[in-house]
Amino acid sequence: MPVRSALTHASPAFGTDPTVAELLAARPHLRMHAIDGLMLEQVPLDSIAAALGTPVWVTGAATLRARYHRLRSALDDAGLGARIHYAVKANDHLVILRILGAEGAGADVVSAGELRRAIAAGILPSRIVFSGVGKSDDELGLALSLSISQINVESREELERLSSLSVACGRPARVALRVNPDIDAGTHAKITTGLADNKFGIAWGEAAALYARATRLPGIDAVGFAVHIGSQIIDPAPFRAAYGRVADLVREVRASGCRVSLVDCGGGLGIGYRNESEGSPRALAHAIRETLGGLGLELVVEPGRWLVAPAGVLLSRVLLVKQGAAGSAPFVVLDAAMNDLLRPSLYEAWHGVVPLSPRDAIGPASAAHLVGPVCETGDTFARDRPMPALQAGARVAILDTGAYGAVMSSTYNARPLAAQALVDGARWTTIRARQPVEQLWAGEVVPDWLEADRSRPGYPGEVHPARTTPKTT
């Protein structure tokens, strides 16, 4: 196996995977202390792992605030004054919502549960947008009863239902039509949402006519359009193309005599997971200003991943190192698994992995397969990843897991949900205890007739004297 130092530059033998030093250089909220090891903000991550065990999610509050301020400044400097509604699906912990809400963010929700979470975290209904392709009548009724800021309607069918529900409850619905601009965002197929064959949004050729109908429907206050073309977008060109099409639609609809006062620009700004450049808030703001800035519109953006992904890490421990076949890389088996972090299995996503120990971090690197203990071949975090030699018990941080990490966790293989911690400068605290294993079946019910079976003779769980081995003398 090729070997190099974990802190030196990549060589062709290792492809384009960044080194530990390169990963940390791109993430100023992380640093390797010579004694305390990997630090998030001012807290040694090893101390959290020692106290709470692993796997454990850790989020940096100061990092989250700093990223929000970067986005807010970019929008303000461009003269847009756009409202920021955080996409709750990225990470719905009450602490995350409370932090962002305190900074001035509203919420973009896609279910009644997320709507209730946002309100429980203190975000006012007047600062909540409800998106999503399949809202139930109960969900729409809840949104109407709370008089939320805006409902992004994604189909003719939903618009007609919402009109009926609004009239029935006597509460008007403030509506933006989500349109599908048929723009390729250049991202992973499973996270693109703006192509004509995606399930999201109203077909481009039907948007103007449906908006005109919306203005005539009882109970509907049609205010504008919404668009979202996908996630993890680095290049601003797709944003510019989509917003340019929406700007043309606004002009067309206004020319027909309809009022359009708002455009919801959606989210999708990407981060640098590997060695790609991070999506630029200033480039996004420029794309919005260039296309929509002169139309006198109220503007909304709905960031999720860009705000929270870099602020979070998943800490894990090496269970064992299993040697592979002759000439192949060893398997480094972690105690974190695909039920904790699904993205690598679901999207073939790349996440940086950094040892917590400063001694491990400077060791020579060679190829390794990083896997979890779940009984699935897909339970793999990385293949042929250049890593320093890690022994059983060594701890690592899987980077950039603040978005679509804990929120997508499951209890597959009867693995309890991991603990969560919050770092805020030099202090930290637990924000979710590790789930007790008994909670996995606490809500399950065994029917009475099955319980009665336990008393019948020959029940497999019963030990009968006749079946025991006779005692010999």
Protein backbone atom coordinates (compact mmCIF):
# COMPACT_ATOMS: atom_id res chain seq x y z
CA MET A 1 0.00 0.00 0.00
CA PRO A 2 1.22 3.52 -0.77
CA VAL A 3 2.17 5.46 2.33
CA ARG A 4 2.48 9.16 3.06
CA SER A 5 2.19 11.43 6.04
CA ALA A 6 -1.36 12.33 6.98
CA LEU A 7 -0.30 15.98 7.14
CA THR A 8 1.48 16.24 3.80
CA HIS A 9 0.07 17.08 0.41
CA ALA A 10 -1.74 14.47 -1.64
CA SER A 11 0.16 12.36 -4.10
CA PRO A 12 -1.20 10.87 -7.33
CA ALA A 13 -1.37 7.45 -5.66
CA PHE A 14 -4.07 8.78 -3.36
CA GLY A 15 -6.03 10.68 -5.98
CA THR A 16 -7.50 13.95 -4.81
CA ASP A 17 -8.35 13.16 -1.19
CA PRO A 18 -7.27 16.06 1.04
CA THR A 19 -4.92 15.51 3.96
CA VAL A 20 -5.74 16.19 7.60
CA ALA A 21 -3.94 19.53 7.35
CA GLU A 22 -5.88 20.46 4.23
CA LEU A 23 -9.20 19.49 5.78
CA LEU A 24 -8.51 21.63 8.85
CA ALA A 25 -7.17 24.57 6.86
CA ALA A 26 -10.52 24.81 5.08
CA ARG A 27 -12.44 24.71 8.39
CA PRO A 28 -11.30 27.52 10.71
CA HIS A 29 -13.70 26.40 13.44
CA LEU A 30 -11.59 23.21 13.77
CA ARG A 31 -7.92 22.99 14.77
CA MET A 32 -5.48 20.36 15.99
CA HIS A 33 -4.04 21.27 19.40
CA ALA A 34 -0.65 19.72 20.08
CA ILE A 35 -1.79 18.30 23.43
CA ASP A 36 -5.60 18.34 23.51
CA GLY A 37 -6.08 17.10 19.99
CA LEU A 38 -8.90 18.09 17.65
CA MET A 39 -10.80 21.14 18.87
CA LEU A 40 -14.21 22.43 17.79
CA GLU A 41 -14.19 26.11 18.59
CA GLN A 42 -12.42 26.03 22.00
CA VAL A 43 -13.45 22.58 23.22
CA PRO A 44 -11.36 19.39 22.87
CA LEU A 45 -13.62 16.89 21.15
CA ASP A 46 -11.93 14.01 22.93
CA SER A 47 -13.31 15.30 26.24
CA ILE A 48 -16.86 15.11 24.88
CA ALA A 49 -16.32 11.59 23.53
CA ALA A 50 -14.86 10.51 26.87
CA ALA A 51 -17.82 11.93 28.80
CA LEU A 52 -20.70 10.86 26.55
CA GLY A 53 -19.28 7.87 24.73
CA THR A 54 -19.48 7.34 21.00
CA PRO A 55 -21.00 7.75 18.54
CA VAL A 56 -21.94 11.31 19.48
CA TRP A 57 -22.98 14.32 17.41
CA VAL A 58 -21.39 17.67 18.24
CA THR A 59 -22.51 21.07 16.94
CA GLY A 60 -20.68 24.40 17.26
CA ALA A 61 -23.06 27.24 18.17
CA ALA A 62 -20.57 30.03 17.50
CA THR A 63 -19.78 28.47 14.12
CA LEU A 64 -23.47 28.39 13.26
CA ARG A 65 -23.93 32.04 14.22
CA ALA A 66 -20.88 33.09 12.23
CA ARG A 67 -22.17 31.38 9.09
CA TYR A 68 -25.58 32.99 9.48
CA HIS A 69 -23.94 36.40 9.77
CA ARG A 70 -21.88 35.76 6.61
CA LEU A 71 -25.02 35.03 4.65
CA ARG A 72 -26.93 37.93 6.20
CA SER A 73 -24.08 40.33 5.36
CA ALA A 74 -23.85 39.11 1.76
CA LEU A 75 -27.56 39.70 1.20
CA ASP A 76 -27.50 43.10 2.91
CA ASP A 77 -24.37 44.26 1.09
CA ALA A 78 -26.11 43.44 -2.19
CA GLY A 79 -28.97 45.69 -1.16
CA LEU A 80 -31.51 42.86 -1.23
CA GLY A 81 -32.89 42.84 2.30
CA ALA A 82 -34.01 39.28 1.69
CA ARG A 83 -35.58 37.31 4.52
CA ILE A 84 -33.74 34.16 5.59
CA HIS A 85 -35.89 31.12 6.38
CA TYR A 86 -33.79 28.22 7.60
CA ALA A 87 -34.64 24.86 5.97
CA VAL A 88 -35.58 22.86 9.07
CA LYS A 89 -35.15 19.50 7.33
CA ALA A 90 -31.35 19.95 7.39
CA ASN A 91 -31.22 19.71 11.20
CA ASP A 92 -34.38 20.10 13.26
CA HIS A 93 -32.99 20.02 16.81
CA LEU A 94 -34.69 22.65 18.97
CA VAL A 95 -31.30 24.11 19.89
CA ILE A 96 -30.43 24.73 16.23
CA LEU A 97 -33.80 26.37 15.63
CA ARG A 98 -33.47 28.46 18.79
CA ILE A 99 -29.99 29.71 17.86
CA LEU A 100 -30.95 30.67 14.31
CA GLY A 101 -34.27 32.13 15.39
CA ALA A 102 -32.46 34.35 17.90
CA GLU A 103 -30.27 35.65 15.06
CA GLY A 104 -33.36 36.62 13.06
CA ALA A 105 -34.01 33.58 10.87
CA GLY A 106 -37.46 32.29 10.08
CA ALA A 107 -38.16 28.67 9.17
CA ASP A 108 -38.90 26.75 5.99
CA VAL A 109 -40.82 23.60 6.95
CA VAL A 110 -42.06 20.59 4.98
CA SER A 111 -44.32 18.82 7.50
CA ALA A 112 -46.64 19.50 10.39
CA GLY A 113 -43.99 18.08 12.70
CA GLU A 114 -41.40 20.58 11.50
CA LEU A 115 -43.97 23.37 11.79
CA ARG A 116 -44.67 22.45 15.39
CA ARG A 117 -40.94 22.11 16.12
CA ALA A 118 -40.25 25.59 14.78
CA ILE A 119 -42.98 27.08 16.95
CA ALA A 120 -41.77 25.11 19.98
CA ALA A 121 -38.33 26.65 19.41
CA GLY A 122 -39.83 30.15 19.54
CA ILE A 123 -40.07 31.00 15.84
CA LEU A 124 -43.25 32.98 15.19
CA PRO A 125 -45.81 31.59 12.71
CA SER A 126 -45.47 34.87 10.80
CA ARG A 127 -41.87 33.85 10.03
CA ILE A 128 -42.65 30.32 8.78
CA VAL A 129 -42.94 29.13 5.17
CA PHE A 130 -44.52 25.73 4.44
CA SER A 131 -43.06 23.94 1.40
CA GLY A 132 -43.38 20.38 0.13
CA VAL A 133 -44.95 18.46 -2.71
CA GLY A 134 -47.45 16.45 -0.65
CA LYS A 135 -49.15 18.34 2.18
CA SER A 136 -52.14 16.64 3.80
CA ASP A 137 -55.41 18.42 4.52
CA ASP A 138 -54.56 18.28 8.23
CA GLU A 139 -51.19 19.93 7.58
CA LEU A 140 -52.71 22.65 5.43
CA GLY A 141 -55.41 23.17 8.04
CA LEU A 142 -52.76 23.58 10.75
CA ALA A 143 -50.87 26.12 8.63
CA LEU A 144 -54.08 28.08 8.04
CA SER A 145 -55.05 28.01 11.71
CA LEU A 146 -51.67 29.47 12.65
CA SER A 147 -51.72 32.13 9.89
CA ILE A 148 -48.17 31.31 8.82
CA SER A 149 -46.27 33.63 6.51
CA GLN A 150 -46.61 31.66 3.30
CA ILE A 151 -47.61 28.33 1.78
CA ASN A 152 -45.59 27.27 -1.26
CA VAL A 153 -48.12 25.45 -3.45
CA GLU A 154 -46.64 22.84 -5.80
CA SER A 155 -49.59 21.73 -7.97
CA ARG A 156 -52.99 22.68 -9.35
CA GLU A 157 -54.53 19.96 -7.21
CA GLU A 158 -53.02 21.38 -4.02
CA LEU A 159 -54.13 24.89 -4.92
CA GLU A 160 -57.77 23.79 -5.37
CA ARG A 161 -57.73 21.87 -2.07
CA LEU A 162 -56.18 24.79 -0.24
CA SER A 163 -58.87 27.14 -1.57
CA SER A 164 -61.62 24.87 -0.25
CA LEU A 165 -59.94 24.47 3.13
CA SER A 166 -59.35 28.21 3.42
CA VAL A 167 -62.98 29.04 2.71
CA ALA A 168 -64.16 26.36 5.14
CA CYS A 169 -62.10 27.70 8.05
CA GLY A 170 -62.46 31.37 7.17
CA ARG A 171 -58.75 32.06 7.06
CA PRO A 172 -57.03 33.31 3.88
CA ALA A 173 -53.98 31.48 2.58
CA ARG A 174 -50.98 33.56 1.53
CA VAL A 175 -49.63 31.58 -1.40
CA ALA A 176 -46.56 31.43 -3.63
CA LEU A 177 -46.60 29.00 -6.54
CA ARG A 178 -43.49 26.86 -6.64
CA VAL A 179 -42.47 26.59 -10.26
CA ASN A 180 -40.17 24.08 -11.92
CA PRO A 181 -37.84 26.01 -14.25
CA ASP A 182 -36.34 22.87 -15.85
CA ILE A 183 -32.81 23.94 -14.90
CA ASP A 184 -30.06 21.38 -14.31
CA ALA A 185 -28.36 22.26 -11.02
CA GLY A 186 -25.39 20.03 -11.87
CA THR A 187 -25.65 18.14 -8.60
CA HIS A 188 -26.35 14.54 -7.51
CA ALA A 189 -29.43 13.04 -9.19
CA LYS A 190 -31.05 12.31 -5.83
CA ILE A 191 -30.89 15.95 -4.68
CA THR A 192 -31.80 17.79 -7.87
CA THR A 193 -35.32 19.25 -7.78
CA GLY A 194 -35.58 21.70 -10.68
CA LEU A 195 -35.71 19.43 -13.74
CA ALA A 196 -38.93 18.83 -15.65
CA ASP A 197 -39.01 15.15 -14.70
CA ASN A 198 -38.58 15.84 -10.96
CA LYS A 199 -41.68 15.59 -8.77
CA PHE A 200 -41.33 19.12 -7.47
CA GLY A 201 -43.07 22.29 -8.56
CA ILE A 202 -45.50 23.38 -11.26
CA ALA A 203 -44.53 22.73 -14.87
CA TRP A 204 -43.07 25.85 -16.40
CA GLY A 205 -45.58 26.07 -19.26
CA GLU A 206 -48.51 26.02 -16.82
CA ALA A 207 -47.22 28.50 -14.25
CA ALA A 208 -48.58 31.77 -15.64
CA ALA A 209 -52.10 30.42 -16.25
CA LEU A 210 -52.25 28.74 -12.84
CA TYR A 211 -51.14 31.94 -11.14
CA ALA A 212 -53.93 33.82 -12.88
CA ARG A 213 -56.38 31.22 -11.60
CA ALA A 214 -54.93 31.51 -8.10
CA THR A 215 -55.72 35.22 -8.06
CA ARG A 216 -59.40 34.40 -8.70
CA LEU A 217 -59.83 31.53 -6.26
CA PRO A 218 -61.66 32.26 -3.00
CA GLY A 219 -59.53 32.12 0.11
CA ILE A 220 -56.26 32.44 -1.84
CA ASP A 221 -53.97 35.47 -1.57
CA ALA A 222 -51.53 34.88 -4.42
CA VAL A 223 -48.37 36.87 -3.72
CA GLY A 224 -45.70 35.42 -6.02
CA PHE A 225 -43.50 32.52 -7.00
CA ALA A 226 -41.07 30.12 -5.34
CA VAL A 227 -38.26 28.11 -6.89
CA HIS A 228 -35.76 25.55 -5.61
CA ILE A 229 -33.57 23.68 -8.09
CA GLY A 230 -31.61 21.33 -5.85
CA SER A 231 -29.04 20.98 -3.12
CA GLN A 232 -25.25 21.17 -2.79
CA ILE A 233 -24.88 23.73 -5.61
CA ILE A 234 -21.43 25.32 -5.80
CA ASP A 235 -21.52 27.14 -9.15
CA PRO A 236 -23.81 30.22 -9.15
CA ALA A 237 -24.66 29.74 -12.85
CA PRO A 238 -27.68 27.44 -12.22
CA PHE A 239 -29.05 29.91 -9.68
CA ARG A 240 -28.66 32.74 -12.18
CA ALA A 241 -30.38 30.74 -14.90
CA ALA A 242 -33.31 29.75 -12.67
CA TYR A 243 -33.82 33.22 -11.23
CA GLY A 244 -33.60 34.71 -14.71
CA ARG A 245 -36.47 32.48 -15.84
CA VAL A 246 -38.50 33.44 -12.76
CA ALA A 247 -37.85 37.13 -13.46
CA ASP A 248 -39.24 36.67 -16.97
CA LEU A 249 -42.29 34.94 -15.49
CA VAL A 250 -42.86 37.81 -13.07
CA ARG A 251 -42.80 40.31 -15.94
CA GLU A 252 -45.16 38.17 -18.01
CA VAL A 253 -47.67 37.77 -15.20
CA ARG A 254 -47.54 41.43 -14.25
CA ALA A 255 -48.10 42.39 -17.88
CA SER A 256 -51.31 40.36 -17.79
CA GLY A 257 -52.56 42.51 -14.91
CA CYS A 258 -51.77 40.24 -11.95
CA ARG A 259 -49.99 41.45 -8.85
CA VAL A 260 -46.67 39.75 -8.00
CA SER A 261 -44.94 41.01 -4.87
CA LEU A 262 -42.68 38.13 -3.76
CA VAL A 263 -40.15 35.62 -5.05
CA ASP A 264 -38.91 32.83 -2.79
CA CYS A 265 -35.46 31.94 -4.14
CA GLY A 266 -35.21 28.64 -2.26
CA GLY A 267 -31.95 27.21 -0.99
CA GLY A 268 -29.35 24.79 -2.27
CA LEU A 269 -26.06 26.60 -1.63
CA GLY A 270 -23.39 23.93 -1.23
CA ILE A 271 -20.33 23.43 0.95
CA GLY A 272 -16.88 21.94 0.36
CA TYR A 273 -17.02 18.38 1.68
CA ARG A 274 -13.87 17.15 -0.04
CA ASN A 275 -11.64 19.68 -1.77
CA GLU A 276 -14.23 21.51 -3.85
CA SER A 277 -14.79 25.20 -3.24
CA GLU A 278 -17.58 26.20 -0.91
CA GLY A 279 -20.65 27.87 -2.38
CA SER A 280 -20.31 31.63 -2.02
CA PRO A 281 -23.07 33.64 -0.31
CA ARG A 282 -21.85 36.72 -2.15
CA ALA A 283 -22.07 34.97 -5.51
CA LEU A 284 -25.59 33.84 -4.63
CA ALA A 285 -26.57 37.36 -3.59
CA HIS A 286 -25.11 38.73 -6.83
CA ALA A 287 -27.11 36.21 -8.88
CA ILE A 288 -30.31 37.28 -7.11
CA ARG A 289 -29.60 40.98 -7.51
CA GLU A 290 -28.63 40.57 -11.18
CA THR A 291 -31.87 38.81 -12.09
CA LEU A 292 -34.54 39.83 -9.57
CA GLY A 293 -33.09 42.89 -7.87
CA GLY A 294 -34.76 45.51 -10.05
CA LEU A 295 -38.31 44.20 -9.83
CA GLY A 296 -39.35 45.67 -6.49
CA LEU A 297 -39.94 42.26 -4.96
CA GLU A 298 -39.98 40.95 -1.43
CA LEU A 299 -37.27 38.27 -1.51
CA VAL A 300 -36.85 35.10 0.52
CA VAL A 301 -33.98 32.58 0.71
CA GLU A 302 -34.14 29.15 2.36
CA PRO A 303 -30.63 27.92 3.24
CA GLY A 304 -30.11 24.69 5.15
CA ARG A 305 -26.95 22.71 4.45
CA TRP A 306 -24.71 25.77 3.98
CA LEU A 307 -25.60 27.07 7.43
CA VAL A 308 -25.40 23.91 9.54
CA ALA A 309 -23.35 21.21 7.80
CA PRO A 310 -19.86 22.57 8.64
CA ALA A 311 -20.92 23.33 12.22
CA GLY A 312 -21.36 19.64 13.06
CA VAL A 313 -19.18 16.57 13.47
CA LEU A 314 -19.89 12.95 14.34
CA LEU A 315 -17.43 11.42 16.81
CA SER A 316 -16.77 7.70 16.56
CA ARG A 317 -14.43 5.06 17.99
CA VAL A 318 -12.49 2.30 16.22
CA LEU A 319 -13.88 -1.07 17.29
CA LEU A 320 -11.30 -3.15 15.46
CA VAL A 321 -9.07 -3.20 12.40
CA LYS A 322 -9.76 -6.18 10.18
CA GLN A 323 -7.13 -7.15 7.65
CA GLY A 324 -8.47 -7.50 4.13
CA ALA A 325 -7.45 -9.88 1.39
CA ALA A 326 -3.81 -9.97 0.38
CA GLY A 327 -2.84 -6.68 -1.24
CA SER A 328 -6.03 -4.89 -0.27
CA ALA A 329 -6.69 -2.19 2.31
CA PRO A 330 -7.73 -3.13 5.86
CA PHE A 331 -11.23 -2.52 7.18
CA VAL A 332 -11.32 0.01 10.00
CA VAL A 333 -14.59 -0.80 11.76
CA LEU A 334 -16.11 2.19 13.59
CA ASP A 335 -18.87 2.20 16.18
CA ALA A 336 -20.79 4.77 14.10
CA ALA A 337 -22.82 3.26 11.29
CA MET A 338 -25.17 3.98 8.41
CA ASN A 339 -28.09 4.20 10.83
CA ASP A 340 -26.29 7.19 12.38
CA LEU A 341 -24.96 8.86 9.21
CA LEU A 342 -26.87 7.71 6.13
CA ARG A 343 -25.46 10.09 3.52
CA PRO A 344 -22.52 7.95 2.32
CA SER A 345 -24.84 4.98 1.76
CA LEU A 346 -27.69 7.03 0.30
CA TYR A 347 -25.80 9.54 -1.85
CA GLU A 348 -22.28 8.08 -2.09
CA ALA A 349 -21.39 11.21 -0.13
CA TRP A 350 -17.79 12.02 0.81
CA HIS A 351 -17.01 13.15 4.37
CA GLY A 352 -13.61 14.00 5.77
CA VAL A 353 -12.42 11.86 8.69
CA VAL A 354 -9.87 13.24 11.16
CA PRO A 355 -8.32 11.51 14.21
CA LEU A 356 -8.96 13.23 17.53
CA SER A 357 -5.48 12.38 18.79
CA PRO A 358 -2.68 14.70 17.64
CA ARG A 359 -0.33 11.72 17.66
CA ASP A 360 -2.59 9.77 15.29
CA ALA A 361 -3.06 12.79 13.06
CA ILE A 362 0.64 13.08 12.20
CA GLY A 363 1.20 9.39 11.55
CA PRO A 364 1.99 8.07 8.06
CA ALA A 365 -1.14 7.44 6.01
CA SER A 366 -2.08 4.42 3.96
CA ALA A 367 -5.30 3.32 2.30
CA ALA A 368 -8.08 2.01 4.54
CA HIS A 369 -11.77 1.17 4.21
CA LEU A 370 -13.80 2.94 6.91
CA VAL A 371 -16.92 0.94 7.69
CA GLY A 372 -19.56 0.58 10.38
CA PRO A 373 -20.83 -2.50 12.25
CA VAL A 374 -24.33 -2.63 10.69
CA CYS A 375 -25.15 -5.81 8.78
CA GLU A 376 -25.18 -4.17 5.33
CA THR A 377 -22.43 -3.88 2.72
CA GLY A 378 -23.62 -0.32 2.21
CA ASP A 379 -22.55 0.50 5.76
CA THR A 380 -19.39 2.08 4.42
CA PHE A 381 -18.09 5.60 5.03
CA ALA A 382 -15.04 5.51 2.77
CA ARG A 383 -13.06 3.12 0.60
CA ASP A 384 -9.32 3.34 0.02
CA ARG A 385 -9.19 6.50 2.12
CA PRO A 386 -5.66 7.62 3.09
CA MET A 387 -5.63 7.39 6.87
CA PRO A 388 -2.97 7.10 9.56
CA ALA A 389 -2.77 3.72 11.25
CA LEU A 390 -5.61 3.58 13.78
CA GLN A 391 -5.75 1.05 16.57
CA ALA A 392 -8.84 -0.24 18.38
CA GLY A 393 -10.06 2.49 20.73
CA ALA A 394 -8.81 5.40 18.61
CA ARG A 395 -11.36 8.15 18.13
CA VAL A 396 -12.14 10.05 14.94
CA ALA A 397 -14.37 12.92 13.85
CA ILE A 398 -16.45 12.58 10.70
CA LEU A 399 -16.68 16.13 9.40
CA ASP A 400 -19.47 18.31 8.02
CA THR A 401 -22.31 16.23 9.43
CA GLY A 402 -24.39 19.09 10.82
CA ALA A 403 -26.87 18.79 7.95
CA TYR A 404 -28.73 15.59 7.06
CA GLY A 405 -26.83 13.73 9.76
CA ALA A 406 -28.63 13.25 13.07
CA VAL A 407 -31.94 14.24 11.51
CA MET A 408 -31.80 11.23 9.14
CA SER A 409 -30.69 8.75 11.82
CA SER A 410 -32.63 5.56 12.50
CA THR A 411 -32.55 2.72 14.97
CA TYR A 412 -31.84 0.05 12.36
CA ASN A 413 -30.25 -3.10 13.83
CA ALA A 414 -31.79 -2.01 17.17
CA ARG A 415 -29.08 0.62 17.60
CA PRO A 416 -30.22 3.46 19.89
CA LEU A 417 -30.00 7.03 18.67
CA ALA A 418 -26.66 8.63 19.49
CA ALA A 419 -26.17 11.38 22.03
CA GLN A 420 -25.84 15.01 20.92
CA ALA A 421 -23.74 17.82 22.38
CA LEU A 422 -23.48 21.56 21.79
CA VAL A 423 -20.23 23.52 21.92
CA ASP A 424 -20.45 27.28 22.36
CA GLY A 425 -17.01 28.85 22.49
CA ALA A 426 -15.22 27.29 25.45
CA ARG A 427 -18.23 25.54 27.01
CA TRP A 428 -20.25 22.51 26.05
CA THR A 429 -23.32 20.62 27.18
CA THR A 430 -25.45 17.60 26.30
CA ILE A 431 -28.48 18.50 24.19
CA ARG A 432 -29.79 14.94 23.77
CA ALA A 433 -28.89 12.00 25.95
CA ARG A 434 -28.08 8.68 24.32
CA GLN A 435 -31.33 6.80 23.80
CA PRO A 436 -31.77 3.96 26.32
CA VAL A 437 -32.08 0.66 24.49
CA GLU A 438 -35.36 -0.08 26.28
CA GLN A 439 -36.96 2.88 24.49
CA LEU A 440 -36.61 1.00 21.21
CA TRP A 441 -39.56 -1.21 22.13
CA ALA A 442 -41.27 0.98 24.74
CA GLY A 443 -44.18 1.80 22.43
CA GLU A 444 -44.62 -1.69 21.02
CA VAL A 445 -47.63 -3.77 22.04
CA VAL A 446 -47.93 -7.56 22.07
CA PRO A 447 -51.58 -8.64 21.53
CA ASP A 448 -53.28 -10.46 24.38
CA TRP A 449 -53.71 -13.65 22.38
CA LEU A 450 -49.96 -13.91 21.86
CA GLU A 451 -49.32 -13.31 25.54
CA ALA A 452 -51.77 -16.14 26.31
CA ASP A 453 -49.69 -18.49 24.15
CA ARG A 454 -46.87 -18.25 26.66
CA SER A 455 -48.85 -20.37 29.14
CA ARG A 456 -49.59 -23.26 26.81
CA PRO A 457 -47.60 -26.50 27.21
CA GLY A 458 -44.70 -26.81 24.82
CA TYR A 459 -44.21 -23.05 24.38
CA PRO A 460 -40.67 -22.75 22.92
CA GLY A 461 -39.53 -20.34 25.59
CA GLU A 462 -40.45 -22.72 28.42
CA VAL A 463 -38.05 -25.27 29.85
CA HIS A 464 -39.81 -28.52 30.76
CA PRO A 465 -38.30 -31.01 33.24
CA ALA A 466 -38.95 -33.87 30.83
CA ARG A 467 -36.68 -32.24 28.32
CA THR A 468 -33.72 -31.74 30.62
CA THR A 469 -30.76 -34.05 30.57
CA PRO A 470 -31.20 -36.71 33.28
CA LYS A 471 -28.82 -36.45 36.17
CA THR A 472 -26.29 -39.30 36.23
CA THR A 473 -24.86 -40.93 39.29
